C-alpha cells in the first residue's frame, strides 16, 4: 500500500509539475561570469606629422579577462533585448615596423564596451536548451591611457584615444538547471575602430590607428526573475 501511494504521488507530481517554461515575455535574466576580450586586429598603422604614414607599421593590442555581466529582458517568448557590461578591461598597445628604438610597447589603456543586442530564441520555451543569436550596437569608451616610462623618456606625451561606435553580432546558449538558474556561454564579434594620438618633439602629432574588432567570450551563470 505504501509503495503504491509513493508511486501514485510521484506520477501526480510528474503530471502536475512539468519543467517550467524557460523564457516568456516579461522575464528578466541576469548573467555573470568570466568575459574575455580577444582582439582580432585588422588594418592598423602608425603615422606622424613629420613622416606621414609609416609603410609596414602595425599595431598589436593584448587580450584581457574580466567580470562580465549581461542584463536581458524578454519582449516576447522568443525575442529579447540584452545589455553587455563588464568591469574595465586593460590592454597593452604595442607598435611594430617603425625605425629602430621606436618599436615595442607604447602604452596601456582601459576600456568598457557596453553592447546592446536584439536576440532571437528559436526553440520552444519548454526546452531546457535555449540557443540564441543577436545583433546590435556597441559603444566602446577608452580611459586611463598611460604611456610607458620608456616612451615618456623618448619625449612622447599627451596620449589620447577616441571612443568607438560599431556593430555587434552575438551567439549563445542557456541551459536551464532549474526554472530560475541557467548556465550560459556566449560569444560576440564587435566592430571597434579606434585611433590614439600622442605628441613628440621631433615627430609632431603621432597617430596610431587600429581596427581592433575583438571576439568577446563569456561563460557564466544566470538567474531568471
N, C-alpha and C. Protein backbone atom coordinates (compact mmCIF):
# COMPACT_ATOMS: atom_id res chain seq x y z
N UNK A 1 0.83 -1.21 0.00
CA UNK A 1 0.00 0.00 0.00
C UNK A 1 0.86 1.26 0.00
N UNK A 2 1.92 1.25 0.88
CA UNK A 2 2.80 2.43 0.95
C UNK A 2 3.52 2.64 -0.37
N UNK A 3 3.99 1.52 -0.97
CA UNK A 3 4.68 1.64 -2.26
C UNK A 3 3.75 2.19 -3.32
N UNK A 4 2.49 1.72 -3.29
CA UNK A 4 1.51 2.20 -4.27
C UNK A 4 1.26 3.69 -4.11
N UNK A 5 1.15 4.13 -2.85
CA UNK A 5 0.93 5.55 -2.59
C UNK A 5 2.10 6.40 -3.08
N UNK A 6 3.33 5.92 -2.87
CA UNK A 6 4.52 6.65 -3.34
C UNK A 6 4.52 6.76 -4.85
N UNK A 7 4.20 5.63 -5.52
CA UNK A 7 4.18 5.63 -6.98
C UNK A 7 3.12 6.58 -7.51
N UNK A 8 1.94 6.51 -6.91
CA UNK A 8 0.85 7.41 -7.34
C UNK A 8 1.24 8.86 -7.11
N UNK A 9 1.89 9.16 -5.99
CA UNK A 9 2.29 10.53 -5.67
C UNK A 9 3.31 11.05 -6.68
N UNK A 10 4.28 10.20 -7.03
CA UNK A 10 5.29 10.61 -8.00
C UNK A 10 4.68 10.86 -9.37
N UNK A 11 3.75 9.99 -9.75
CA UNK A 11 3.07 10.19 -11.03
C UNK A 11 2.28 11.49 -11.03
N UNK A 12 1.65 11.77 -9.89
CA UNK A 12 0.87 13.00 -9.79
C UNK A 12 1.76 14.22 -9.89
N UNK A 13 2.91 14.16 -9.23
CA UNK A 13 3.84 15.28 -9.31
C UNK A 13 4.37 15.46 -10.72
N UNK A 14 4.67 14.34 -11.37
CA UNK A 14 5.17 14.42 -12.73
C UNK A 14 4.15 15.01 -13.67
N UNK A 15 2.85 14.72 -13.41
CA UNK A 15 1.79 15.26 -14.27
C UNK A 15 1.50 16.71 -13.95
N UNK A 16 1.51 17.05 -12.66
CA UNK A 16 1.10 18.40 -12.25
C UNK A 16 2.23 19.40 -12.31
N UNK A 17 3.51 18.92 -12.30
CA UNK A 17 4.63 19.85 -12.23
C UNK A 17 5.65 19.59 -13.34
N UNK A 18 5.28 19.79 -14.59
CA UNK A 18 6.24 19.63 -15.66
C UNK A 18 7.32 20.70 -15.54
N UNK A 19 8.43 20.52 -16.27
CA UNK A 19 9.50 21.51 -16.22
C UNK A 19 8.97 22.87 -16.64
N UNK A 20 9.25 23.85 -15.82
CA UNK A 20 8.72 25.19 -16.10
C UNK A 20 9.29 25.73 -17.41
N UNK A 21 8.52 26.56 -18.07
CA UNK A 21 8.96 27.15 -19.32
C UNK A 21 10.23 27.95 -19.09
N UNK A 22 11.14 27.87 -20.07
CA UNK A 22 12.42 28.55 -19.94
C UNK A 22 12.21 30.07 -19.89
N UNK A 23 11.69 30.63 -20.98
CA UNK A 23 11.51 32.08 -21.02
C UNK A 23 10.12 32.40 -21.56
N UNK A 24 9.61 33.51 -21.08
CA UNK A 24 8.35 34.04 -21.59
C UNK A 24 8.42 35.55 -21.55
N UNK A 25 7.52 36.19 -22.24
CA UNK A 25 7.50 37.65 -22.30
C UNK A 25 7.45 38.24 -20.89
N UNK A 26 8.30 39.23 -20.66
CA UNK A 26 8.34 39.90 -19.37
C UNK A 26 9.41 39.41 -18.42
N UNK A 27 10.09 38.31 -18.78
CA UNK A 27 11.15 37.79 -17.91
C UNK A 27 12.40 38.67 -17.97
N UNK A 28 13.05 38.84 -16.81
CA UNK A 28 14.37 39.46 -16.74
C UNK A 28 15.40 38.35 -16.50
N UNK A 29 16.53 38.41 -17.19
CA UNK A 29 17.60 37.42 -17.00
C UNK A 29 18.90 38.17 -16.74
N UNK A 30 19.51 37.89 -15.60
CA UNK A 30 20.81 38.47 -15.26
C UNK A 30 21.85 37.36 -15.29
N UNK A 31 22.95 37.58 -16.00
CA UNK A 31 24.01 36.59 -16.10
C UNK A 31 25.33 37.22 -15.67
N UNK A 32 26.20 36.43 -15.05
CA UNK A 32 27.52 36.91 -14.63
C UNK A 32 28.53 35.80 -14.86
N UNK A 33 29.75 36.18 -15.22
CA UNK A 33 30.78 35.18 -15.45
C UNK A 33 32.08 35.80 -15.91
N UNK A 34 32.98 34.97 -16.41
CA UNK A 34 34.27 35.42 -16.92
C UNK A 34 34.11 35.83 -18.38
N UNK A 35 34.52 37.06 -18.69
CA UNK A 35 34.43 37.58 -20.05
C UNK A 35 35.82 37.93 -20.56
N UNK A 36 36.16 37.43 -21.72
CA UNK A 36 37.48 37.68 -22.31
C UNK A 36 37.33 38.48 -23.60
N UNK A 37 38.09 39.57 -23.69
CA UNK A 37 38.17 40.35 -24.92
C UNK A 37 39.44 39.93 -25.66
N UNK A 38 39.27 39.37 -26.85
CA UNK A 38 40.39 38.85 -27.64
C UNK A 38 40.46 39.62 -28.97
N UNK A 39 41.28 40.68 -29.04
CA UNK A 39 41.34 41.50 -30.26
C UNK A 39 41.75 40.68 -31.48
N UNK A 40 41.07 40.93 -32.59
CA UNK A 40 41.41 40.33 -33.88
C UNK A 40 41.78 41.49 -34.81
N UNK A 41 43.05 41.87 -34.76
CA UNK A 41 43.48 43.11 -35.40
C UNK A 41 43.32 43.04 -36.91
N UNK A 42 42.66 44.06 -37.45
CA UNK A 42 42.53 44.21 -38.89
C UNK A 42 43.56 45.21 -39.39
N UNK A 43 43.13 46.20 -40.15
CA UNK A 43 44.04 47.22 -40.66
C UNK A 43 44.58 48.05 -39.50
N UNK A 44 45.90 48.26 -39.49
CA UNK A 44 46.50 49.09 -38.45
C UNK A 44 47.77 49.72 -39.00
N UNK A 45 48.07 50.91 -38.53
CA UNK A 45 49.29 51.59 -38.97
C UNK A 45 49.60 52.75 -38.03
N UNK A 46 50.82 53.28 -38.19
CA UNK A 46 51.27 54.44 -37.43
C UNK A 46 51.63 55.54 -38.41
N UNK A 47 51.27 56.77 -38.07
CA UNK A 47 51.63 57.91 -38.91
C UNK A 47 52.00 59.08 -38.01
N UNK A 48 52.67 60.06 -38.58
CA UNK A 48 53.02 61.26 -37.81
C UNK A 48 53.04 62.47 -38.74
N UNK A 49 53.03 63.64 -38.13
CA UNK A 49 53.08 64.88 -38.91
C UNK A 49 54.37 64.94 -39.73
N UNK A 50 55.48 64.47 -39.15
CA UNK A 50 56.78 64.58 -39.80
C UNK A 50 56.99 63.53 -40.89
N UNK A 51 56.44 62.33 -40.71
CA UNK A 51 56.76 61.23 -41.63
C UNK A 51 55.59 60.80 -42.51
N UNK A 52 54.37 61.20 -42.16
CA UNK A 52 53.21 60.65 -42.83
C UNK A 52 53.00 59.22 -42.38
N UNK A 53 52.25 58.43 -43.14
CA UNK A 53 52.01 57.04 -42.79
C UNK A 53 53.29 56.24 -42.94
N UNK A 54 53.63 55.49 -41.91
CA UNK A 54 54.86 54.69 -41.93
C UNK A 54 54.56 53.35 -42.60
N UNK A 55 55.15 53.13 -43.77
CA UNK A 55 54.91 51.89 -44.51
C UNK A 55 55.41 50.69 -43.70
N UNK A 56 54.59 49.64 -43.63
CA UNK A 56 54.97 48.44 -42.91
C UNK A 56 54.73 48.47 -41.42
N UNK A 57 54.23 49.59 -40.92
CA UNK A 57 53.95 49.68 -39.49
C UNK A 57 52.65 48.97 -39.15
N UNK A 58 52.54 48.50 -37.92
CA UNK A 58 51.33 47.83 -37.46
C UNK A 58 51.20 47.98 -35.96
N UNK A 59 50.03 47.60 -35.45
CA UNK A 59 49.71 47.79 -34.03
C UNK A 59 49.20 46.46 -33.48
N UNK A 60 49.55 46.18 -32.24
CA UNK A 60 49.06 44.98 -31.57
C UNK A 60 48.42 45.39 -30.25
N UNK A 61 47.31 44.72 -29.90
CA UNK A 61 46.59 45.00 -28.65
C UNK A 61 46.40 43.69 -27.91
N UNK A 62 46.80 43.63 -26.64
CA UNK A 62 46.71 42.38 -25.87
C UNK A 62 45.28 42.08 -25.47
N UNK A 63 45.01 40.81 -25.10
CA UNK A 63 43.68 40.43 -24.62
C UNK A 63 43.60 40.63 -23.11
N UNK A 64 42.39 40.49 -22.57
CA UNK A 64 42.20 40.62 -21.12
C UNK A 64 40.89 39.94 -20.74
N UNK A 65 40.84 39.44 -19.49
CA UNK A 65 39.66 38.78 -18.96
C UNK A 65 39.19 39.50 -17.70
N UNK A 66 37.89 39.76 -17.64
CA UNK A 66 37.30 40.47 -16.51
C UNK A 66 35.93 39.87 -16.17
N UNK A 67 35.30 40.42 -15.17
CA UNK A 67 33.94 40.02 -14.81
C UNK A 67 32.97 40.57 -15.84
N UNK A 68 32.21 39.67 -16.48
CA UNK A 68 31.21 40.09 -17.44
C UNK A 68 29.81 40.00 -16.85
N UNK A 69 28.95 40.92 -17.24
CA UNK A 69 27.57 40.96 -16.78
C UNK A 69 26.66 41.20 -17.97
N UNK A 70 25.54 40.50 -18.03
CA UNK A 70 24.53 40.79 -19.03
C UNK A 70 23.17 40.93 -18.36
N UNK A 71 22.38 41.83 -18.89
CA UNK A 71 21.04 42.11 -18.36
C UNK A 71 20.06 41.97 -19.51
N UNK A 72 19.21 40.95 -19.45
CA UNK A 72 18.29 40.68 -20.55
C UNK A 72 16.84 40.86 -20.15
N UNK A 73 16.01 41.19 -21.14
CA UNK A 73 14.57 41.33 -20.94
C UNK A 73 13.87 40.71 -22.14
N UNK A 74 12.91 39.83 -21.88
CA UNK A 74 12.19 39.16 -22.95
C UNK A 74 11.00 40.01 -23.40
N UNK A 75 11.07 40.48 -24.64
CA UNK A 75 9.97 41.27 -25.21
C UNK A 75 8.80 40.37 -25.58
N UNK A 76 9.11 39.16 -26.07
CA UNK A 76 8.11 38.13 -26.34
C UNK A 76 8.70 36.81 -25.85
N UNK A 77 8.02 35.69 -26.10
CA UNK A 77 8.56 34.40 -25.70
C UNK A 77 9.82 34.03 -26.47
N UNK A 78 10.03 34.65 -27.63
CA UNK A 78 11.18 34.29 -28.48
C UNK A 78 12.11 35.46 -28.79
N UNK A 79 11.77 36.65 -28.42
CA UNK A 79 12.59 37.84 -28.74
C UNK A 79 12.95 38.57 -27.45
N UNK A 80 14.24 38.86 -27.30
CA UNK A 80 14.70 39.57 -26.12
C UNK A 80 15.67 40.68 -26.49
N UNK A 81 15.97 41.53 -25.52
CA UNK A 81 16.98 42.56 -25.69
C UNK A 81 17.95 42.44 -24.53
N UNK A 82 19.25 42.65 -24.79
CA UNK A 82 20.25 42.41 -23.77
C UNK A 82 21.33 43.49 -23.79
N UNK A 83 21.80 43.85 -22.59
CA UNK A 83 22.93 44.77 -22.44
C UNK A 83 24.12 44.00 -21.89
N UNK A 84 25.26 44.09 -22.57
CA UNK A 84 26.52 43.52 -22.10
C UNK A 84 27.29 44.60 -21.36
N UNK A 85 27.72 44.29 -20.14
CA UNK A 85 28.55 45.20 -19.35
C UNK A 85 29.69 44.39 -18.74
N UNK A 86 30.64 45.08 -18.10
CA UNK A 86 31.79 44.38 -17.52
C UNK A 86 32.57 45.33 -16.64
N UNK A 87 33.45 44.76 -15.82
CA UNK A 87 34.45 45.58 -15.16
C UNK A 87 35.47 45.99 -16.22
N UNK A 88 36.20 47.09 -16.03
CA UNK A 88 37.07 47.61 -17.09
C UNK A 88 38.14 46.62 -17.56
N UNK A 89 38.27 46.52 -18.88
CA UNK A 89 39.32 45.71 -19.49
C UNK A 89 40.58 46.57 -19.65
N UNK A 90 41.73 45.96 -19.41
CA UNK A 90 43.00 46.67 -19.54
C UNK A 90 43.85 46.00 -20.61
N UNK A 91 44.40 46.80 -21.53
CA UNK A 91 45.16 46.26 -22.66
C UNK A 91 46.50 46.97 -22.80
N UNK A 92 47.47 46.22 -23.29
CA UNK A 92 48.74 46.79 -23.69
C UNK A 92 48.71 47.05 -25.19
N UNK A 93 49.19 48.21 -25.61
CA UNK A 93 49.25 48.57 -27.03
C UNK A 93 50.71 48.62 -27.45
N UNK A 94 51.06 47.85 -28.47
CA UNK A 94 52.43 47.80 -28.96
C UNK A 94 52.45 48.17 -30.44
N UNK A 95 53.59 48.70 -30.89
CA UNK A 95 53.74 49.07 -32.30
C UNK A 95 54.92 48.32 -32.89
N UNK A 96 54.83 48.04 -34.19
CA UNK A 96 55.88 47.31 -34.91
C UNK A 96 56.11 47.97 -36.27
N UNK A 97 57.27 47.67 -36.87
CA UNK A 97 57.56 48.17 -38.20
C UNK A 97 58.04 49.61 -38.23
N UNK A 98 58.43 50.16 -37.10
CA UNK A 98 58.94 51.53 -37.03
C UNK A 98 60.47 51.51 -37.04
N UNK A 99 61.10 52.69 -37.18
CA UNK A 99 62.57 52.74 -37.09
C UNK A 99 63.06 52.20 -35.76
N UNK A 100 64.30 51.75 -35.75
CA UNK A 100 64.90 51.16 -34.55
C UNK A 100 64.74 52.09 -33.35
N UNK A 101 64.36 51.47 -32.23
CA UNK A 101 64.20 52.22 -30.99
C UNK A 101 62.78 52.68 -30.73
N UNK A 102 61.91 52.57 -31.73
CA UNK A 102 60.53 53.03 -31.57
C UNK A 102 59.53 51.88 -31.50
N UNK A 103 60.00 50.66 -31.72
CA UNK A 103 59.11 49.51 -31.66
C UNK A 103 58.90 49.05 -30.22
N UNK A 104 57.87 48.22 -30.02
CA UNK A 104 57.60 47.68 -28.69
C UNK A 104 56.38 48.32 -28.04
N UNK A 105 56.26 48.09 -26.75
CA UNK A 105 55.09 48.55 -26.01
C UNK A 105 55.02 50.08 -25.99
N UNK A 106 53.86 50.58 -26.32
CA UNK A 106 53.64 52.03 -26.36
C UNK A 106 52.93 52.53 -25.12
N UNK A 107 51.84 51.82 -24.73
CA UNK A 107 51.01 52.33 -23.65
C UNK A 107 50.09 51.24 -23.12
N UNK A 108 49.42 51.54 -22.04
CA UNK A 108 48.32 50.71 -21.55
C UNK A 108 47.05 51.57 -21.57
N UNK A 109 45.94 50.92 -21.82
CA UNK A 109 44.66 51.62 -21.84
C UNK A 109 43.61 50.75 -21.14
N UNK A 110 42.56 51.37 -20.68
CA UNK A 110 41.41 50.65 -20.16
C UNK A 110 40.20 51.00 -21.00
N UNK A 111 39.25 50.08 -21.05
CA UNK A 111 38.06 50.33 -21.87
C UNK A 111 36.86 49.60 -21.32
N UNK A 112 35.70 50.13 -21.60
CA UNK A 112 34.42 49.49 -21.32
C UNK A 112 33.64 49.41 -22.62
N UNK A 113 33.09 48.24 -22.95
CA UNK A 113 32.41 48.06 -24.24
C UNK A 113 30.91 47.77 -24.11
N UNK A 114 30.10 48.65 -23.51
CA UNK A 114 28.67 48.33 -23.41
C UNK A 114 28.07 48.05 -24.79
N UNK A 115 27.33 46.95 -24.86
CA UNK A 115 26.79 46.48 -26.14
C UNK A 115 25.33 46.08 -25.95
N UNK A 116 24.47 46.59 -26.80
CA UNK A 116 23.05 46.26 -26.76
C UNK A 116 22.71 45.41 -27.98
N UNK A 117 22.10 44.26 -27.76
CA UNK A 117 21.71 43.38 -28.87
C UNK A 117 20.24 43.00 -28.77
N UNK A 118 19.62 42.83 -29.93
CA UNK A 118 18.29 42.27 -30.04
C UNK A 118 18.46 40.79 -30.32
N UNK A 119 17.84 39.93 -29.51
CA UNK A 119 18.10 38.49 -29.57
C UNK A 119 16.88 37.71 -30.04
N UNK A 120 17.16 36.55 -30.67
CA UNK A 120 16.10 35.64 -31.09
C UNK A 120 16.37 34.26 -30.51
N UNK A 121 15.40 33.71 -29.80
CA UNK A 121 15.46 32.37 -29.22
C UNK A 121 14.54 31.46 -30.04
N UNK A 122 15.08 30.57 -30.88
CA UNK A 122 14.23 29.82 -31.81
C UNK A 122 13.47 28.65 -31.20
N UNK A 123 13.95 28.07 -30.10
CA UNK A 123 13.33 26.85 -29.59
C UNK A 123 12.11 27.15 -28.74
N UNK A 124 11.26 26.13 -28.62
CA UNK A 124 10.09 26.24 -27.76
C UNK A 124 10.52 26.51 -26.33
N UNK A 125 9.73 27.27 -25.61
CA UNK A 125 10.11 27.66 -24.25
C UNK A 125 10.10 26.50 -23.27
N UNK A 126 9.62 25.32 -23.68
CA UNK A 126 9.65 24.15 -22.80
C UNK A 126 11.01 23.44 -22.83
N UNK A 127 11.90 23.84 -23.77
CA UNK A 127 13.20 23.20 -23.89
C UNK A 127 14.17 23.72 -22.83
N UNK A 128 14.94 22.81 -22.22
CA UNK A 128 15.96 23.24 -21.27
C UNK A 128 17.12 23.93 -21.98
N UNK A 129 17.38 23.57 -23.23
CA UNK A 129 18.40 24.23 -24.03
C UNK A 129 17.79 25.42 -24.75
N UNK A 130 18.40 26.58 -24.61
CA UNK A 130 17.89 27.79 -25.23
C UNK A 130 19.01 28.51 -25.98
N UNK A 131 19.32 28.04 -27.21
CA UNK A 131 20.29 28.79 -28.03
C UNK A 131 19.67 30.09 -28.52
N UNK A 132 20.53 31.05 -28.85
CA UNK A 132 20.02 32.33 -29.34
C UNK A 132 21.07 33.01 -30.20
N UNK A 133 20.62 33.91 -31.04
CA UNK A 133 21.50 34.77 -31.84
C UNK A 133 21.04 36.20 -31.65
N UNK A 134 21.96 37.13 -31.87
CA UNK A 134 21.60 38.52 -31.67
C UNK A 134 22.43 39.44 -32.54
N UNK A 135 21.95 40.66 -32.70
CA UNK A 135 22.68 41.70 -33.43
C UNK A 135 22.34 43.03 -32.79
N UNK A 136 23.33 43.94 -32.80
CA UNK A 136 23.07 45.22 -32.16
C UNK A 136 24.20 46.20 -32.37
N UNK A 137 24.41 47.05 -31.38
CA UNK A 137 25.37 48.13 -31.50
C UNK A 137 26.24 48.21 -30.25
N UNK A 138 27.49 48.58 -30.47
CA UNK A 138 28.47 48.69 -29.39
C UNK A 138 28.99 50.12 -29.28
N UNK A 139 29.21 50.55 -28.06
CA UNK A 139 29.92 51.80 -27.80
C UNK A 139 31.08 51.49 -26.87
N UNK A 140 32.30 51.71 -27.32
CA UNK A 140 33.47 51.44 -26.51
C UNK A 140 34.11 52.76 -26.09
N UNK A 141 34.24 52.94 -24.79
CA UNK A 141 34.89 54.15 -24.27
C UNK A 141 36.23 53.79 -23.67
N UNK A 142 37.26 54.56 -24.01
CA UNK A 142 38.62 54.34 -23.54
C UNK A 142 38.97 55.37 -22.47
N UNK A 143 39.75 54.96 -21.50
CA UNK A 143 40.15 55.88 -20.42
C UNK A 143 41.43 55.35 -19.77
N UNK A 144 41.98 56.14 -18.88
CA UNK A 144 43.23 55.80 -18.17
C UNK A 144 44.35 55.41 -19.13
N UNK A 145 44.46 56.15 -20.23
CA UNK A 145 45.57 55.92 -21.14
C UNK A 145 46.88 56.33 -20.46
N UNK A 146 47.89 55.48 -20.57
CA UNK A 146 49.15 55.77 -19.89
C UNK A 146 50.32 55.30 -20.76
N UNK A 147 51.16 56.25 -21.20
CA UNK A 147 52.37 55.90 -21.92
C UNK A 147 53.33 55.18 -20.99
N UNK A 148 54.13 54.27 -21.55
CA UNK A 148 55.13 53.60 -20.74
C UNK A 148 56.22 54.60 -20.35
N UNK A 149 56.96 54.27 -19.30
CA UNK A 149 58.05 55.16 -18.86
C UNK A 149 59.08 55.33 -19.97
N UNK A 150 59.32 54.24 -20.73
CA UNK A 150 60.28 54.33 -21.82
C UNK A 150 59.84 55.32 -22.89
N UNK A 151 58.54 55.34 -23.19
CA UNK A 151 58.03 56.28 -24.21
C UNK A 151 58.10 57.72 -23.70
N UNK A 152 57.82 57.89 -22.43
CA UNK A 152 57.94 59.24 -21.87
C UNK A 152 59.38 59.73 -21.95
N UNK A 153 60.32 58.82 -21.71
CA UNK A 153 61.74 59.18 -21.79
C UNK A 153 62.14 59.55 -23.22
N UNK A 154 61.42 58.97 -24.22
CA UNK A 154 61.69 59.30 -25.62
C UNK A 154 61.06 60.62 -26.03
N UNK A 155 60.28 61.22 -25.15
CA UNK A 155 59.67 62.51 -25.45
C UNK A 155 58.20 62.46 -25.83
N UNK A 156 57.59 61.27 -25.83
CA UNK A 156 56.17 61.17 -26.14
C UNK A 156 55.34 61.73 -24.98
N UNK A 157 54.21 62.35 -25.32
CA UNK A 157 53.34 62.92 -24.29
C UNK A 157 51.93 63.09 -24.84
N UNK A 158 51.01 63.48 -23.97
CA UNK A 158 49.62 63.82 -24.34
C UNK A 158 48.94 62.70 -25.12
N UNK A 159 48.95 61.51 -24.55
CA UNK A 159 48.27 60.37 -25.19
C UNK A 159 46.76 60.51 -25.03
N UNK A 160 46.06 60.29 -26.12
CA UNK A 160 44.59 60.34 -26.09
C UNK A 160 44.06 59.33 -27.09
N UNK A 161 42.90 58.72 -26.77
CA UNK A 161 42.30 57.74 -27.67
C UNK A 161 40.82 58.04 -27.87
N UNK A 162 40.37 57.97 -29.12
CA UNK A 162 38.98 58.24 -29.45
C UNK A 162 38.10 57.05 -29.08
N UNK A 163 36.88 57.34 -28.64
CA UNK A 163 35.90 56.29 -28.41
C UNK A 163 35.40 55.75 -29.74
N UNK A 164 34.66 54.65 -29.68
CA UNK A 164 34.27 53.96 -30.91
C UNK A 164 32.82 53.51 -30.86
N UNK A 165 32.13 53.63 -32.00
CA UNK A 165 30.81 53.03 -32.21
C UNK A 165 30.96 51.94 -33.27
N UNK A 166 30.25 50.83 -33.11
CA UNK A 166 30.34 49.78 -34.10
C UNK A 166 29.21 48.78 -33.97
N UNK A 167 29.09 47.92 -34.97
CA UNK A 167 28.07 46.87 -34.96
C UNK A 167 28.55 45.67 -34.17
N UNK A 168 27.62 44.88 -33.67
CA UNK A 168 27.95 43.69 -32.89
C UNK A 168 27.05 42.54 -33.29
N UNK A 169 27.62 41.34 -33.40
CA UNK A 169 26.88 40.11 -33.63
C UNK A 169 27.10 39.19 -32.43
N UNK A 170 26.12 38.36 -32.14
CA UNK A 170 26.19 37.54 -30.93
C UNK A 170 25.58 36.17 -31.18
N UNK A 171 26.13 35.16 -30.50
CA UNK A 171 25.52 33.83 -30.46
C UNK A 171 25.76 33.27 -29.06
N UNK A 172 24.79 32.53 -28.55
CA UNK A 172 24.95 31.98 -27.21
C UNK A 172 23.96 30.86 -26.95
N UNK A 173 24.08 30.29 -25.77
CA UNK A 173 23.16 29.24 -25.37
C UNK A 173 23.00 29.26 -23.85
N UNK A 174 21.78 29.08 -23.40
CA UNK A 174 21.47 28.90 -21.98
C UNK A 174 21.04 27.45 -21.76
N UNK A 175 21.43 26.89 -20.63
CA UNK A 175 20.91 25.58 -20.22
C UNK A 175 20.23 25.76 -18.87
N UNK A 176 18.95 25.40 -18.80
CA UNK A 176 18.16 25.62 -17.60
C UNK A 176 18.47 24.55 -16.55
N UNK A 177 19.22 24.91 -15.52
CA UNK A 177 19.48 23.99 -14.41
C UNK A 177 18.23 23.80 -13.57
N UNK A 178 17.51 24.90 -13.34
CA UNK A 178 16.21 24.88 -12.69
C UNK A 178 15.31 25.83 -13.46
N UNK A 179 14.12 26.07 -12.97
CA UNK A 179 13.26 27.03 -13.67
C UNK A 179 13.73 28.46 -13.47
N UNK A 180 14.77 28.69 -12.64
CA UNK A 180 15.30 30.03 -12.39
C UNK A 180 16.78 30.18 -12.73
N UNK A 181 17.57 29.13 -12.53
CA UNK A 181 19.02 29.20 -12.66
C UNK A 181 19.46 28.60 -14.00
N UNK A 182 20.36 29.31 -14.70
CA UNK A 182 20.83 28.86 -16.02
C UNK A 182 22.35 28.88 -16.08
N UNK A 183 22.90 27.96 -16.88
CA UNK A 183 24.29 28.04 -17.30
C UNK A 183 24.32 28.73 -18.66
N UNK A 184 25.34 29.54 -18.89
CA UNK A 184 25.38 30.33 -20.12
C UNK A 184 26.76 30.32 -20.73
N UNK A 185 26.80 30.28 -22.06
CA UNK A 185 28.02 30.51 -22.82
C UNK A 185 27.64 31.39 -24.01
N UNK A 186 28.45 32.41 -24.27
CA UNK A 186 28.11 33.35 -25.34
C UNK A 186 29.37 33.89 -25.99
N UNK A 187 29.23 34.34 -27.23
CA UNK A 187 30.32 34.96 -27.95
C UNK A 187 29.78 36.14 -28.74
N UNK A 188 30.56 37.22 -28.77
CA UNK A 188 30.23 38.41 -29.55
C UNK A 188 31.37 38.69 -30.52
N UNK A 189 31.02 39.24 -31.67
CA UNK A 189 32.00 39.80 -32.60
C UNK A 189 31.67 41.28 -32.70
N UNK A 190 32.61 42.13 -32.26
CA UNK A 190 32.32 43.55 -32.12
C UNK A 190 33.25 44.36 -33.01
N UNK A 191 32.69 45.30 -33.73
CA UNK A 191 33.49 46.19 -34.57
C UNK A 191 33.96 47.40 -33.78
N UNK A 192 35.27 47.47 -33.54
CA UNK A 192 35.86 48.61 -32.83
C UNK A 192 36.98 49.17 -33.69
N UNK A 193 36.82 50.40 -34.13
CA UNK A 193 37.81 51.09 -34.96
C UNK A 193 38.24 52.33 -34.20
N UNK A 194 39.49 52.36 -33.77
CA UNK A 194 39.90 53.44 -32.88
C UNK A 194 41.22 54.07 -33.33
N UNK A 195 41.46 55.25 -32.82
CA UNK A 195 42.68 55.98 -33.15
C UNK A 195 43.23 56.65 -31.90
N UNK A 196 44.50 56.41 -31.62
CA UNK A 196 45.17 57.06 -30.50
C UNK A 196 46.13 58.10 -31.05
N UNK A 197 46.29 59.18 -30.31
CA UNK A 197 47.23 60.23 -30.71
C UNK A 197 48.16 60.56 -29.55
N UNK A 198 49.38 60.96 -29.90
CA UNK A 198 50.36 61.41 -28.91
C UNK A 198 51.20 62.51 -29.55
N UNK A 199 51.98 63.18 -28.73
CA UNK A 199 52.86 64.24 -29.22
C UNK A 199 54.31 63.86 -29.02
N UNK A 200 55.16 64.32 -29.99
CA UNK A 200 56.59 64.07 -29.89
C UNK A 200 57.32 65.31 -30.44
N UNK A 201 58.38 65.76 -29.76
CA UNK A 201 59.07 66.99 -30.20
C UNK A 201 59.55 66.96 -31.64
N UNK A 202 60.03 65.81 -32.11
CA UNK A 202 60.57 65.73 -33.47
C UNK A 202 59.53 65.25 -34.48
N UNK A 203 58.65 64.33 -34.06
CA UNK A 203 57.71 63.73 -34.98
C UNK A 203 56.41 64.51 -35.10
N UNK A 204 56.15 65.38 -34.14
CA UNK A 204 54.89 66.12 -34.13
C UNK A 204 53.75 65.26 -33.60
N UNK A 205 52.61 65.37 -34.21
CA UNK A 205 51.46 64.57 -33.79
C UNK A 205 51.58 63.15 -34.34
N UNK A 206 51.57 62.17 -33.45
CA UNK A 206 51.69 60.77 -33.85
C UNK A 206 50.34 60.09 -33.72
N UNK A 207 49.89 59.41 -34.78
CA UNK A 207 48.61 58.72 -34.77
C UNK A 207 48.82 57.21 -34.85
N UNK A 208 48.11 56.50 -34.00
CA UNK A 208 48.12 55.04 -34.01
C UNK A 208 46.70 54.59 -34.33
N UNK A 209 46.47 54.12 -35.55
CA UNK A 209 45.14 53.73 -36.00
C UNK A 209 45.03 52.21 -36.04
N UNK A 210 43.93 51.69 -35.52
CA UNK A 210 43.80 50.24 -35.45
C UNK A 210 42.34 49.82 -35.48
N UNK A 211 42.05 48.77 -36.27
CA UNK A 211 40.76 48.08 -36.23
C UNK A 211 40.91 46.92 -35.25
N UNK A 212 40.36 47.07 -34.05
CA UNK A 212 40.54 46.05 -33.01
C UNK A 212 39.63 44.85 -33.25
N UNK A 213 38.38 45.10 -33.57
CA UNK A 213 37.40 44.06 -33.95
C UNK A 213 37.50 42.80 -33.10
N UNK A 214 37.31 42.89 -31.79
CA UNK A 214 37.56 41.72 -30.94
C UNK A 214 36.45 40.68 -30.98
N UNK A 215 36.84 39.45 -30.63
CA UNK A 215 35.91 38.43 -30.20
C UNK A 215 35.78 38.57 -28.68
N UNK A 216 34.57 38.50 -28.19
CA UNK A 216 34.34 38.53 -26.74
C UNK A 216 33.67 37.22 -26.34
N UNK A 217 34.31 36.50 -25.44
CA UNK A 217 33.80 35.20 -24.98
C UNK A 217 33.38 35.31 -23.52
N UNK A 218 32.26 34.70 -23.18
CA UNK A 218 31.80 34.73 -21.80
C UNK A 218 31.18 33.39 -21.42
N UNK A 219 31.56 32.91 -20.25
CA UNK A 219 30.97 31.71 -19.67
C UNK A 219 30.55 32.05 -18.24
N UNK A 220 29.29 31.74 -17.89
CA UNK A 220 28.84 32.13 -16.56
C UNK A 220 27.55 31.46 -16.17
N UNK A 221 26.93 32.04 -15.18
CA UNK A 221 25.69 31.53 -14.63
C UNK A 221 24.69 32.68 -14.56
N UNK A 222 23.41 32.34 -14.69
CA UNK A 222 22.40 33.38 -14.70
C UNK A 222 21.20 33.05 -13.83
N UNK A 223 20.36 34.06 -13.64
CA UNK A 223 19.14 33.89 -12.85
C UNK A 223 18.01 34.62 -13.53
N UNK A 224 16.88 33.93 -13.63
CA UNK A 224 15.68 34.50 -14.26
C UNK A 224 14.73 35.02 -13.20
N UNK A 225 14.29 36.26 -13.37
CA UNK A 225 13.33 36.88 -12.46
C UNK A 225 11.94 36.91 -13.10
